[in-house]
C-alpha atoms as a PDB file:
ATOM      1  CA  MET A   1      77.523  97.496 104.175  1.00  0.00           C
ATOM      2  CA  THR A   2      80.820  98.880 103.245  1.00  0.00           C
ATOM      3  CA  ASP A   3      82.874  95.279 102.797  1.00  0.00           C
ATOM      4  CA  ILE A   4      82.831  95.090  99.191  1.00  0.00           C
ATOM      5  CA  LYS A   5      84.332  91.699  99.088  1.00  0.00           C
ATOM      6  CA  SER A   6      81.297  90.434 100.911  1.00  0.00           C
ATOM      7  CA  MET A   7      78.774  91.923  98.644  1.00  0.00           C
ATOM      8  CA  PHE A   8      76.423  89.943  96.272  1.00  0.00           C
ATOM      9  CA  ILE A   9      76.568  90.625  92.760  1.00  0.00           C
ATOM     10  CA  GLU A  10      73.136  92.468  92.970  1.00  0.00           C
ATOM     11  CA  GLU A  11      74.459  94.570  95.835  1.00  0.00           C
ATOM     12  CA  LEU A  12      77.426  95.727  93.899  1.00  0.00           C
ATOM     13  CA  LYS A  13      74.971  96.372  91.155  1.00  0.00           C
ATOM     14  CA  ALA A  14      73.085  98.865  93.751  1.00  0.00           C
ATOM     15  CA  LEU A  15      76.206 100.399  94.912  1.00  0.00           C
ATOM     16  CA  MET A  16      77.403 101.403  91.430  1.00  0.00           C
ATOM     17  CA  ALA A  17      73.783 102.735  90.938  1.00  0.00           C
ATOM     18  CA  GLU A  18      74.106 104.619  94.006  1.00  0.00           C
ATOM     19  CA  LEU A  19      77.483 105.773  92.939  1.00  0.00           C
ATOM     20  CA  GLY A  20      76.071 106.835  89.671  1.00  0.00           C
ATOM     21  CA  GLU A  21      77.916 104.423  87.433  1.00  0.00           C
ATOM     22  CA  LYS A  22      76.792 101.752  84.887  1.00  0.00           C
ATOM     23  CA  PRO A  23      75.672  98.384  86.140  1.00  0.00           C
ATOM     24  CA  PHE A  24      78.244  96.374  83.699  1.00  0.00           C
ATOM     25  CA  ARG A  25      80.985  97.981  86.447  1.00  0.00           C
ATOM     26  CA  ALA A  26      79.604  95.631  89.299  1.00  0.00           C
ATOM     27  CA  LYS A  27      80.461  92.412  87.103  1.00  0.00           C
ATOM     28  CA  GLN A  28      83.899  93.419  86.172  1.00  0.00           C
ATOM     29  CA  ILE A  29      84.768  94.307  90.076  1.00  0.00           C
ATOM     30  CA  TYR A  30      83.210  91.027  90.743  1.00  0.00           C
ATOM     31  CA  SER A  31      85.263  89.285  88.581  1.00  0.00           C
ATOM     32  CA  TRP A  32      88.544  90.867  89.831  1.00  0.00           C
ATOM     33  CA  LEU A  33      87.708  90.188  93.347  1.00  0.00           C
ATOM     34  CA  HIS A  34      86.816  86.675  93.054  1.00  0.00           C
ATOM     35  CA  GLU A  35      88.326  85.374  89.752  1.00  0.00           C
ATOM     36  CA  HIS A  36      91.531  87.298  89.471  1.00  0.00           C
ATOM     37  CA  LEU A  37      91.782  87.379  93.508  1.00  0.00           C
ATOM     38  CA  VAL A  38      93.181  91.164  93.299  1.00  0.00           C
ATOM     39  CA  THR A  39      93.921  92.805  96.899  1.00  0.00           C
ATOM     40  CA  GLY A  40      92.802  96.236  95.551  1.00  0.00           C
ATOM     41  CA  TYR A  41      91.548  98.712  93.274  1.00  0.00           C
ATOM     42  CA  GLY A  42      95.013  99.517  91.574  1.00  0.00           C
ATOM     43  CA  GLU A  43      95.014  95.974  89.871  1.00  0.00           C
ATOM     44  CA  MET A  44      91.604  96.368  88.243  1.00  0.00           C
ATOM     45  CA  GLU A  45      92.542  97.424  84.883  1.00  0.00           C
ATOM     46  CA  ASN A  46      89.512  98.357  83.065  1.00  0.00           C
ATOM     47  CA  ILE A  47      87.949 100.509  86.083  1.00  0.00           C
ATOM     48  CA  PRO A  48      88.159 103.990  85.488  1.00  0.00           C
ATOM     49  CA  LYS A  49      90.221 106.154  87.656  1.00  0.00           C
ATOM     50  CA  ALA A  50      87.298 108.463  88.703  1.00  0.00           C
ATOM     51  CA  LEU A  51      85.388 105.465  89.824  1.00  0.00           C
ATOM     52  CA  LYS A  52      88.311 103.804  91.970  1.00  0.00           C
ATOM     53  CA  LYS A  53      88.139 107.056  93.725  1.00  0.00           C
ATOM     54  CA  LYS A  54      84.636 106.705  94.543  1.00  0.00           C
ATOM     55  CA  LEU A  55      85.386 103.343  95.922  1.00  0.00           C
ATOM     56  CA  ALA A  56      88.174 104.527  98.410  1.00  0.00           C
ATOM     57  CA  ASP A  57      85.233 104.409 101.244  1.00  0.00           C
ATOM     58  CA  TYR A  58      84.849 100.415 100.414  1.00  0.00           C
ATOM     59  CA  PRO A  59      88.309  99.120 101.356  1.00  0.00           C
ATOM     60  CA  VAL A  60      88.993  95.532 100.040  1.00  0.00           C
ATOM     61  CA  THR A  61      89.480  92.891 102.306  1.00  0.00           C
ATOM     62  CA  ALA A  62      93.211  91.243 101.707  1.00  0.00           C
ATOM     63  CA  LEU A  63      95.009  89.163 104.660  1.00  0.00           C
ATOM     64  CA  GLU A  64      98.259  89.392 105.243  1.00  0.00           C
ATOM     65  CA  MET A  65     100.420  86.188 105.722  1.00  0.00           C
ATOM     66  CA  VAL A  66     102.477  86.181 108.710  1.00  0.00           C
ATOM     67  CA  ASP A  67     103.748  82.732 108.836  1.00  0.00           C
ATOM     68  CA  GLU A  68     103.699  79.862 106.681  1.00  0.00           C
ATOM     69  CA  GLN A  69     104.782  76.138 108.151  1.00  0.00           C
ATOM     70  CA  ILE A  70     105.320  73.326 105.640  1.00  0.00           C
ATOM     71  CA  SER A  71     105.356  69.631 106.656  1.00  0.00           C
ATOM     72  CA  ARG A  72     108.209  67.533 105.515  1.00  0.00           C
ATOM     73  CA  ILE A  73     106.107  64.742 105.640  1.00  0.00           C
ATOM     74  CA  ASP A  74     103.333  65.442 103.363  1.00  0.00           C
ATOM     75  CA  GLY A  75     103.773  68.917 101.767  1.00  0.00           C
ATOM     76  CA  THR A  76     100.921  70.236 104.133  1.00  0.00           C
ATOM     77  CA  ARG A  77     101.318  73.981 104.514  1.00  0.00           C
ATOM     78  CA  LYS A  78      99.588  75.859 107.727  1.00  0.00           C
ATOM     79  CA  TYR A  79      99.296  79.726 107.087  1.00  0.00           C
ATOM     80  CA  LEU A  80      98.851  82.267 109.791  1.00  0.00           C
ATOM     81  CA  PHE A  81      97.319  85.470 108.316  1.00  0.00           C
ATOM     82  CA  ARG A  82      96.721  88.938 109.727  1.00  0.00           C
ATOM     83  CA  LEU A  83      93.281  90.744 109.600  1.00  0.00           C
ATOM     84  CA  SER A  84      93.122  94.625 108.943  1.00  0.00           C
ATOM     85  CA  ASP A  85      92.550  94.869 112.596  1.00  0.00           C
ATOM     86  CA  GLY A  86      95.759  93.030 113.867  1.00  0.00           C
ATOM     87  CA  ASN A  87      93.973  89.777 114.626  1.00  0.00           C
ATOM     88  CA  VAL A  88      95.430  86.775 113.587  1.00  0.00           C
ATOM     89  CA  ILE A  89      93.962  83.643 112.183  1.00  0.00           C
ATOM     90  CA  GLU A  90      95.075  80.376 110.803  1.00  0.00           C
ATOM     91  CA  SER A  91      94.421  77.986 107.520  1.00  0.00           C
ATOM     92  CA  VAL A  92      95.545  74.529 106.307  1.00  0.00           C
ATOM     93  CA  LEU A  93      96.236  73.640 102.647  1.00  0.00           C
ATOM     94  CA  MET A  94      96.329  69.855 102.294  1.00  0.00           C
ATOM     95  CA  ARG A  95      97.248  68.049  99.046  1.00  0.00           C
ATOM     96  CA  TYR A  96      95.335  65.052  98.171  1.00  0.00           C
ATOM     97  CA  LYS A  97      95.311  63.199  95.001  1.00  0.00           C
ATOM     98  CA  HIS A  98      91.683  64.323  94.216  1.00  0.00           C
ATOM     99  CA  GLY A  99      92.910  67.989  94.752  1.00  0.00           C
ATOM    100  CA  ASN A 100      93.709  70.505  96.825  1.00  0.00           C
ATOM    101  CA  SER A 101      91.653  71.133 100.234  1.00  0.00           C
ATOM    102  CA  VAL A 102      91.802  74.056 102.137  1.00  0.00           C
ATOM    103  CA  CYS A 103      90.763  74.043 105.840  1.00  0.00           C
ATOM    104  CA  ILE A 104      89.610  77.701 107.157  1.00  0.00           C
ATOM    105  CA  SER A 105      88.678  79.501 110.229  1.00  0.00           C
ATOM    106  CA  SER A 106      85.141  81.526 110.773  1.00  0.00           C
ATOM    107  CA  GLN A 107      85.926  83.129 113.753  1.00  0.00           C
ATOM    108  CA  VAL A 108      88.848  84.749 115.550  1.00  0.00           C
ATOM    109  CA  GLY A 109      88.852  82.319 118.645  1.00  0.00           C
ATOM    110  CA  CYS A 110      85.928  80.244 119.865  1.00  0.00           C
ATOM    111  CA  LYS A 111      83.625  80.479 122.606  1.00  0.00           C
ATOM    112  CA  MET A 112      82.268  76.709 122.614  1.00  0.00           C
ATOM    113  CA  GLY A 113      85.081  75.653 124.965  1.00  0.00           C
ATOM    114  CA  CYS A 114      85.668  72.270 124.006  1.00  0.00           C
ATOM    115  CA  ARG A 115      88.295  70.396 126.172  1.00  0.00           C
ATOM    116  CA  PHE A 116      90.711  69.075 123.740  1.00  0.00           C
ATOM    117  CA  CYS A 117      90.829  72.211 121.299  1.00  0.00           C
ATOM    118  CA  ALA A 118      93.512  74.545 121.285  1.00  0.00           C
ATOM    119  CA  SER A 119      91.268  76.967 119.370  1.00  0.00           C
ATOM    120  CA  THR A 120      89.121  77.790 122.312  1.00  0.00           C
ATOM    121  CA  ILE A 121      91.899  78.369 125.133  1.00  0.00           C
ATOM    122  CA  GLY A 122      92.010  82.114 124.210  1.00  0.00           C
ATOM    123  CA  GLY A 123      88.101  82.464 124.226  1.00  0.00           C
ATOM    124  CA  TRP A 124      86.378  84.324 121.197  1.00  0.00           C
ATOM    125  CA  THR A 125      87.571  87.638 119.877  1.00  0.00           C
ATOM    126  CA  ARG A 126      84.964  88.229 116.970  1.00  0.00           C
ATOM    127  CA  ASN A 127      83.292  86.968 114.090  1.00  0.00           C
ATOM    128  CA  LEU A 128      84.886  86.675 110.618  1.00  0.00           C
ATOM    129  CA  LEU A 129      83.407  88.488 107.574  1.00  0.00           C
ATOM    130  CA  ALA A 130      82.624  86.600 104.527  1.00  0.00           C
ATOM    131  CA  SER A 131      85.389  88.150 102.803  1.00  0.00           C
ATOM    132  CA  GLU A 132      87.764  86.992 105.667  1.00  0.00           C
ATOM    133  CA  MET A 133      86.648  83.290 105.082  1.00  0.00           C
ATOM    134  CA  LEU A 134      86.674  83.876 101.305  1.00  0.00           C
ATOM    135  CA  ASP A 135      90.462  85.631 101.578  1.00  0.00           C
ATOM    136  CA  GLN A 136      91.915  82.601 103.339  1.00  0.00           C
ATOM    137  CA  ILE A 137      91.252  80.524 100.154  1.00  0.00           C
ATOM    138  CA  TYR A 138      91.948  83.070  97.867  1.00  0.00           C
ATOM    139  CA  ARG A 139      95.404  83.872  99.428  1.00  0.00           C
ATOM    140  CA  ILE A 140      96.396  80.704  99.651  1.00  0.00           C
ATOM    141  CA  GLN A 141      95.567  80.251  95.673  1.00  0.00           C
ATOM    142  CA  ALA A 142      97.579  82.974  94.919  1.00  0.00           C
ATOM    143  CA  ILE A 143     100.460  82.162  97.082  1.00  0.00           C
ATOM    144  CA  THR A 144     100.773  78.450  95.650  1.00  0.00           C
ATOM    145  CA  GLY A 145      99.635  79.063  92.078  1.00  0.00           C
ATOM    146  CA  GLU A 146      97.569  75.893  92.549  1.00  0.00           C
ATOM    147  CA  ARG A 147      93.578  75.748  92.611  1.00  0.00           C
ATOM    148  CA  VAL A 148      91.705  74.820  95.468  1.00  0.00           C
ATOM    149  CA  SER A 149      88.915  72.313  94.755  1.00  0.00           C
ATOM    150  CA  ASN A 150      87.729  71.505  98.275  1.00  0.00           C
ATOM    151  CA  VAL A 151      86.996  73.320 101.214  1.00  0.00           C
ATOM    152  CA  VAL A 152      86.604  72.729 104.853  1.00  0.00           C
ATOM    153  CA  VAL A 153      84.988  75.265 107.292  1.00  0.00           C
ATOM    154  CA  MET A 154      86.933  73.324 110.376  1.00  0.00           C
ATOM    155  CA  GLY A 155      89.519  75.655 111.402  1.00  0.00           C
ATOM    156  CA  THR A 156      89.336  78.051 114.431  1.00  0.00           C
ATOM    157  CA  GLY A 157      85.381  78.777 115.341  1.00  0.00           C
ATOM    158  CA  GLU A 158      82.122  77.578 115.384  1.00  0.00           C
ATOM    159  CA  PRO A 159      80.817  78.482 111.906  1.00  0.00           C
ATOM    160  CA  LEU A 160      77.175  78.004 112.732  1.00  0.00           C
ATOM    161  CA  ASP A 161      77.697  80.426 115.524  1.00  0.00           C
ATOM    162  CA  ASN A 162      78.627  83.062 112.531  1.00  0.00           C
ATOM    163  CA  TYR A 163      75.613  81.806 110.459  1.00  0.00           C
ATOM    164  CA  ASP A 164      74.772  84.955 108.422  1.00  0.00           C
ATOM    165  CA  ASN A 165      78.730  85.468 107.420  1.00  0.00           C
ATOM    166  CA  LEU A 166      78.783  81.625 106.762  1.00  0.00           C
ATOM    167  CA  LEU A 167      75.737  81.703 104.437  1.00  0.00           C
ATOM    168  CA  ARG A 168      77.059  84.730 102.515  1.00  0.00           C
ATOM    169  CA  PHE A 169      80.486  83.243 102.088  1.00  0.00           C
ATOM    170  CA  ILE A 170      78.804  79.878 100.856  1.00  0.00           C
ATOM    171  CA  ARG A 171      76.834  81.785  98.253  1.00  0.00           C
ATOM    172  CA  ILE A 172      79.699  83.528  96.971  1.00  0.00           C
ATOM    173  CA  LEU A 173      82.416  80.648  97.135  1.00  0.00           C
ATOM    174  CA  THR A 174      79.959  78.062  95.305  1.00  0.00           C
ATOM    175  CA  GLY A 175      78.071  80.767  92.968  1.00  0.00           C
ATOM    176  CA  GLU A 176      79.002  81.740  89.357  1.00  0.00           C
ATOM    177  CA  GLY A 177      81.421  84.698  88.822  1.00  0.00           C
ATOM    178  CA  GLY A 178      83.952  83.425  91.278  1.00  0.00           C
ATOM    179  CA  LEU A 179      85.933  80.199  92.371  1.00  0.00           C
ATOM    180  CA  ASN A 180      82.608  78.357  91.305  1.00  0.00           C
ATOM    181  CA  ILE A 181      83.685  75.650  93.833  1.00  0.00           C
ATOM    182  CA  SER A 182      80.883  72.777  93.942  1.00  0.00           C
ATOM    183  CA  GLN A 183      79.018  72.842  97.012  1.00  0.00           C
ATOM    184  CA  ARG A 184      79.320  69.109  97.281  1.00  0.00           C
ATOM    185  CA  ASN A 185      82.879  69.993  97.675  1.00  0.00           C
ATOM    186  CA  LEU A 186      82.272  72.150 100.945  1.00  0.00           C
ATOM    187  CA  THR A 187      82.130  70.625 104.499  1.00  0.00           C
ATOM    188  CA  VAL A 188      80.913  72.738 107.230  1.00  0.00           C
ATOM    189  CA  SER A 189      81.687  71.451 110.874  1.00  0.00           C
ATOM    190  CA  THR A 190      79.654  72.086 113.794  1.00  0.00           C
ATOM    191  CA  CYS A 191      79.680  71.184 117.735  1.00  0.00           C
ATOM    192  CA  GLY A 192      75.985  70.842 117.376  1.00  0.00           C
ATOM    193  CA  LEU A 193      74.124  74.248 117.492  1.00  0.00           C
ATOM    194  CA  VAL A 194      70.738  72.711 117.087  1.00  0.00           C
ATOM    195  CA  PRO A 195      68.452  75.452 115.880  1.00  0.00           C
ATOM    196  CA  ARG A 196      71.145  76.562 113.277  1.00  0.00           C
ATOM    197  CA  ILE A 197      71.309  73.002 112.002  1.00  0.00           C
ATOM    198  CA  TYR A 198      67.471  73.148 111.256  1.00  0.00           C
ATOM    199  CA  ASP A 199      67.855  76.447 109.549  1.00  0.00           C
ATOM    200  CA  LEU A 200      70.878  75.264 107.630  1.00  0.00           C
ATOM    201  CA  ALA A 201      68.563  72.400 106.119  1.00  0.00           C
ATOM    202  CA  GLU A 202      65.956  74.960 105.072  1.00  0.00           C
ATOM    203  CA  GLU A 203      68.387  76.589 102.919  1.00  0.00           C
ATOM    204  CA  LYS A 204      68.673  73.210 100.438  1.00  0.00           C
ATOM    205  CA  LEU A 205      72.541  73.162 100.096  1.00  0.00           C
ATOM    206  CA  GLN A 206      74.498  70.391  98.764  1.00  0.00           C
ATOM    207  CA  MET A 207      77.443  70.746 101.265  1.00  0.00           C
ATOM    208  CA  THR A 208      78.447  68.413 103.538  1.00  0.00           C
ATOM    209  CA  LEU A 209      77.672  68.609 107.556  1.00  0.00           C
ATOM    210  CA  ALA A 210      80.167  67.414 109.818  1.00  0.00           C
ATOM    211  CA  LEU A 211      79.093  66.909 113.438  1.00  0.00           C
ATOM    212  CA  SER A 212      81.516  66.865 116.359  1.00  0.00           C
ATOM    213  CA  LEU A 213      80.033  64.290 118.222  1.00  0.00           C
ATOM    214  CA  HIS A 214      82.996  62.810 120.360  1.00  0.00           C
ATOM    215  CA  ALA A 215      80.871  60.689 122.540  1.00  0.00           C
ATOM    216  CA  PRO A 216      78.432  58.063 122.574  1.00  0.00           C
ATOM    217  CA  ASN A 217      76.226  59.447 125.513  1.00  0.00           C
ATOM    218  CA  ASP A 218      75.371  62.754 127.160  1.00  0.00           C
ATOM    219  CA  GLU A 219      77.437  62.140 130.329  1.00  0.00           C
ATOM    220  CA  LYS A 220      80.688  61.937 128.161  1.00  0.00           C
ATOM    221  CA  ARG A 221      79.684  64.392 125.611  1.00  0.00           C
ATOM    222  CA  ARG A 222      79.173  66.833 128.684  1.00  0.00           C
ATOM    223  CA  GLU A 223      82.515  66.254 129.868  1.00  0.00           C
ATOM    224  CA  LEU A 224      84.510  66.763 126.729  1.00  0.00           C
ATOM    225  CA  MET A 225      82.088  69.651 125.041  1.00  0.00           C
ATOM    226  CA  PRO A 226      80.137  72.504 127.118  1.00  0.00           C
ATOM    227  CA  ILE A 227      77.654  72.751 124.174  1.00  0.00           C
ATOM    228  CA  ALA A 228      76.419  69.292 125.479  1.00  0.00           C
ATOM    229  CA  GLN A 229      75.050  71.024 128.563  1.00  0.00           C
ATOM    230  CA  ARG A 230      72.669  73.044 126.076  1.00  0.00           C
ATOM    231  CA  TYR A 231      71.745  70.336 123.628  1.00  0.00           C
ATOM    232  CA  SER A 232      71.394  66.691 124.421  1.00  0.00           C
ATOM    233  CA  MET A 233      72.635  64.394 121.920  1.00  0.00           C
ATOM    234  CA  ASP A 234      68.983  63.184 121.155  1.00  0.00           C
ATOM    235  CA  GLU A 235      68.168  66.813 120.164  1.00  0.00           C
ATOM    236  CA  VAL A 236      71.259  67.051 117.978  1.00  0.00           C
ATOM    237  CA  LEU A 237      70.770  63.650 116.165  1.00  0.00           C
ATOM    238  CA  GLU A 238      67.297  64.384 115.289  1.00  0.00           C
ATOM    239  CA  ALA A 239      68.417  67.824 113.899  1.00  0.00           C
ATOM    240  CA  CYS A 240      70.983  65.635 111.746  1.00  0.00           C
ATOM    241  CA  ARG A 241      68.184  63.278 110.854  1.00  0.00           C
ATOM    242  CA  ASN A 242      66.084  66.362 109.606  1.00  0.00           C
ATOM    243  CA  TYR A 243      69.081  68.098 107.768  1.00  0.00           C
ATOM    244  CA  PHE A 244      69.448  64.536 105.550  1.00  0.00           C
ATOM    245  CA  GLU A 245      65.718  64.529 104.901  1.00  0.00           C
ATOM    246  CA  LYS A 246      65.687  67.946 103.568  1.00  0.00           C
ATOM    247  CA  THR A 247      69.017  67.555 101.562  1.00  0.00           C
ATOM    248  CA  GLY A 248      69.841  64.322 101.040  1.00  0.00           C
ATOM    249  CA  ARG A 249      73.229  64.641 102.022  1.00  0.00           C
ATOM    250  CA  ARG A 250      74.741  62.078 104.275  1.00  0.00           C
ATOM    251  CA  ILE A 251      76.011  63.298 107.907  1.00  0.00           C
ATOM    252  CA  THR A 252      79.457  63.038 108.753  1.00  0.00           C
ATOM    253  CA  PHE A 253      80.051  62.477 112.533  1.00  0.00           C
ATOM    254  CA  GLU A 254      83.871  63.406 113.809  1.00  0.00           C
ATOM    255  CA  TYR A 255      84.710  61.300 116.553  1.00  0.00           C
ATOM    256  CA  SER A 256      87.974  62.015 118.397  1.00  0.00           C
ATOM    257  CA  LEU A 257      89.453  59.468 120.077  1.00  0.00           C
ATOM    258  CA  VAL A 258      90.871  60.055 123.578  1.00  0.00           C
ATOM    259  CA  ALA A 259      92.693  57.061 125.356  1.00  0.00           C
ATOM    260  CA  GLY A 260      90.133  55.836 128.203  1.00  0.00           C
ATOM    261  CA  VAL A 261      87.526  58.359 127.824  1.00  0.00           C
ATOM    262  CA  ASN A 262      85.666  57.564 124.859  1.00  0.00           C
ATOM    263  CA  ASP A 263      87.491  54.385 123.141  1.00  0.00           C
ATOM    264  CA  GLY A 264      86.451  51.492 124.594  1.00  0.00           C
ATOM    265  CA  ASP A 265      84.243  48.603 123.324  1.00  0.00           C
ATOM    266  CA  GLU A 266      81.207  49.539 125.295  1.00  0.00           C
ATOM    267  CA  ASP A 267      81.638  53.123 123.578  1.00  0.00           C
ATOM    268  CA  ALA A 268      81.671  51.601 120.303  1.00  0.00           C
ATOM    269  CA  LYS A 269      78.667  49.419 121.140  1.00  0.00           C
ATOM    270  CA  GLU A 270      76.777  52.426 122.568  1.00  0.00           C
ATOM    271  CA  LEU A 271      77.886  54.613 119.717  1.00  0.00           C
ATOM    272  CA  VAL A 272      76.312  52.219 117.281  1.00  0.00           C
ATOM    273  CA  GLY A 273      72.998  52.114 119.190  1.00  0.00           C
ATOM    274  CA  ARG A 274      72.684  55.951 118.607  1.00  0.00           C
ATOM    275  CA  ILE A 275      73.550  56.087 115.037  1.00  0.00           C
ATOM    276  CA  HIS A 276      72.838  52.909 113.237  1.00  0.00           C
ATOM    277  CA  ASP A 277      69.310  54.058 111.863  1.00  0.00           C
ATOM    278  CA  LEU A 278      71.118  57.423 110.014  1.00  0.00           C
ATOM    279  CA  ASN A 279      72.761  57.895 106.821  1.00  0.00           C
ATOM    280  CA  CYS A 280      76.008  58.467 107.999  1.00  0.00           C
ATOM    281  CA  HIS A 281      79.976  58.494 107.762  1.00  0.00           C
ATOM    282  CA  VAL A 282      81.985  58.203 111.051  1.00  0.00           C
ATOM    283  CA  ASN A 283      85.370  60.224 110.808  1.00  0.00           C
ATOM    284  CA  LEU A 284      87.436  58.671 113.585  1.00  0.00           C
ATOM    285  CA  ILE A 285      90.506  61.211 114.758  1.00  0.00           C
ATOM    286  CA  PRO A 286      93.127  60.230 117.239  1.00  0.00           C
ATOM    287  CA  VAL A 287      93.128  63.595 119.339  1.00  0.00           C
ATOM    288  CA  ASN A 288      95.946  66.220 118.970  1.00  0.00           C
ATOM    289  CA  PRO A 289      97.309  66.194 122.810  1.00  0.00           C
ATOM    290  CA  ILE A 290      97.841  69.921 123.698  1.00  0.00           C
ATOM    291  CA  LYS A 291      99.930  70.768 126.536  1.00  0.00           C
ATOM    292  CA  GLU A 292      97.050  72.651 128.408  1.00  0.00           C
ATOM    293  CA  ARG A 293      94.914  69.339 128.688  1.00  0.00           C
ATOM    294  CA  SER A 294      95.860  66.344 130.373  1.00  0.00           C
ATOM    295  CA  TYR A 295      94.179  63.861 127.252  1.00  0.00           C
ATOM    296  CA  VAL A 296      96.105  61.464 125.715  1.00  0.00           C
ATOM    297  CA  ARG A 297      95.531  60.312 122.286  1.00  0.00           C
ATOM    298  CA  SER A 298      94.129  56.429 121.923  1.00  0.00           C
ATOM    299  CA  THR A 299      96.663  53.857 120.778  1.00  0.00           C
ATOM    300  CA  ARG A 300      96.941  52.926 117.107  1.00  0.00           C
ATOM    301  CA  GLN A 301      95.125  49.273 118.203  1.00  0.00           C
ATOM    302  CA  ALA A 302      92.344  50.926 120.087  1.00  0.00           C
ATOM    303  CA  VAL A 303      91.568  53.022 117.241  1.00  0.00           C
ATOM    304  CA  GLU A 304      91.731  50.180 114.723  1.00  0.00           C
ATOM    305  CA  ASN A 305      89.389  48.066 117.432  1.00  0.00           C
ATOM    306  CA  PHE A 306      87.062  50.870 117.351  1.00  0.00           C
ATOM    307  CA  LYS A 307      86.655  50.967 113.631  1.00  0.00           C
ATOM    308  CA  ILE A 308      86.286  47.157 113.414  1.00  0.00           C
ATOM    309  CA  LYS A 309      83.341  47.364 115.710  1.00  0.00           C
ATOM    310  CA  LEU A 310      81.745  49.941 114.152  1.00  0.00           C
ATOM    311  CA  GLU A 311      82.067  48.576 110.557  1.00  0.00           C
ATOM    312  CA  LYS A 312      80.874  44.936 111.837  1.00  0.00           C
ATOM    313  CA  CYS A 313      77.566  46.965 112.861  1.00  0.00           C
ATOM    314  CA  GLY A 314      77.215  48.309 109.166  1.00  0.00           C
ATOM    315  CA  ILE A 315      78.566  51.698 109.946  1.00  0.00           C
ATOM    316  CA  ASN A 316      80.729  53.383 107.333  1.00  0.00           C
ATOM    317  CA  VAL A 317      84.129  54.383 108.955  1.00  0.00           C
ATOM    318  CA  THR A 318      87.336  56.253 108.059  1.00  0.00           C
ATOM    319  CA  ILE A 319      90.332  56.864 110.545  1.00  0.00           C
ATOM    320  CA  ARG A 320      91.528  60.482 109.312  1.00  0.00           C
ATOM    321  CA  ARG A 321      94.975  60.494 107.683  1.00  0.00           C
ATOM    322  CA  GLU A 322      97.197  62.737 109.598  1.00  0.00           C
ATOM    323  CA  MET A 323      98.327  65.632 107.674  1.00  0.00           C
ATOM    324  CA  GLY A 324     100.727  67.952 108.849  1.00  0.00           C
ATOM    325  CA  SER A 325     102.031  66.077 112.208  1.00  0.00           C
ATOM    326  CA  ASP A 326     105.443  67.567 112.171  1.00  0.00           C
ATOM    327  CA  ILE A 327     103.882  71.145 112.066  1.00  0.00           C
ATOM    328  CA  ASP A 328     101.334  73.107 114.557  1.00  0.00           C
ATOM    329  CA  GLY A 329      98.850  70.434 113.012  1.00  0.00           C
ATOM    330  CA  ALA A 330      96.237  70.666 115.522  1.00  0.00           C
ATOM    331  CA  CYS A 331      93.432  73.711 115.158  1.00  0.00           C
ATOM    332  CA  GLY A 332      94.265  76.612 116.898  1.00  0.00           C
ATOM    333  CA  GLN A 333      97.934  75.549 117.725  1.00  0.00           C
ATOM    334  CA  LEU A 334     100.055  78.266 115.330  1.00  0.00           C
ATOM    335  CA  ARG A 335      97.754  81.208 116.234  1.00  0.00           C
ATOM    336  CA  LYS A 336      98.369  80.023 119.736  1.00  0.00           C
ATOM    337  CA  SER A 337     101.948  79.701 119.998  1.00  0.00           C
ATOM    338  CA  TYR A 338     102.204  83.089 117.965  1.00  0.00           C
ATOM    339  CA  MET A 339     100.011  84.913 120.328  1.00  0.00           C
ATOM    340  CA  GLU A 340     102.262  83.524 123.455  1.00  0.00           C
ATOM    341  CA  LYS A 341     105.393  84.578 121.315  1.00  0.00           C
ATOM    342  CA  THR A 342     104.124  88.323 120.735  1.00  0.00           C
ATOM    343  CA  GLU A 343     102.539  88.666 124.327  1.00  0.00           C
ATOM    344  CA  SER A 344     106.067  87.629 125.555  1.00  0.00           C
ATOM    345  CA  GLU A 345     107.736  90.298 123.652  1.00  0.00           C
ATOM    346  CA  LYS A 346     105.865  93.197 125.059  1.00  0.00           C
END
């Protein structure tokens, strides 16, 4: 591995030995990268020039900010970052009373094809390295000068489709010597890659798993999410039960409400039948309309009725607070409009 910002401290120590350097240098470099959030070796004050020269083959991953949109409504900030290969990704900073939360991307584009999502329209380009996932948080912290306390991996991409880099990212983010964010303050969202949910359960991490459910049955879920052709709802929910048993962490179900598709009384009743025995929380999301799709968001009344129906049956429910609705708020929208603009300028 040549990506130094994705290395664990043990791997950095091994690299120092390989370069004929003392092991303590690994800790110094790790601290500069993950605590001081530097973007190059030039900023590492206590690292000798000779070592910096040896490290020339190990470039430091540093994202470049291309665009920043700030919501006038709630101060939400949306960032577009350029990667070293020219690809662009987006991240969002949301400010809450309990602290700052950053939503990051895990891939360039997405191959999952969920019908209501802008992230997937241009298809998938590549996985992000652990360092590229970390640096979204690092750049936002450096730009704002504010500490990030919560992280959600819910931006562009399917995190469990980038499994090894995701695990590396989690270990570095929540481990000592870095930002040391609590695993309990981390949420990873998945559209339901069943084998990977079982793998993740074995890691015994204390993070929250958020499953994009979006439908009360297989038929409707297949209409909205191609992944449902591969794994049935029974299989997905069984994997979620296993995750709770292994980790003790309550599952979050994301449910995007689409008018006339999955927001009726029957849908609510059927959903309760599916999940009533699970230790879970349902997050209702009025869908963000995107011009490429004909889906319409549910009315406020329909959302409220759906919530009441679930609560009456003892299900824990919240309606996701809309953040940054006056900027390109939905996943993938800012990146998409940027790519369309650069395409038209060619």
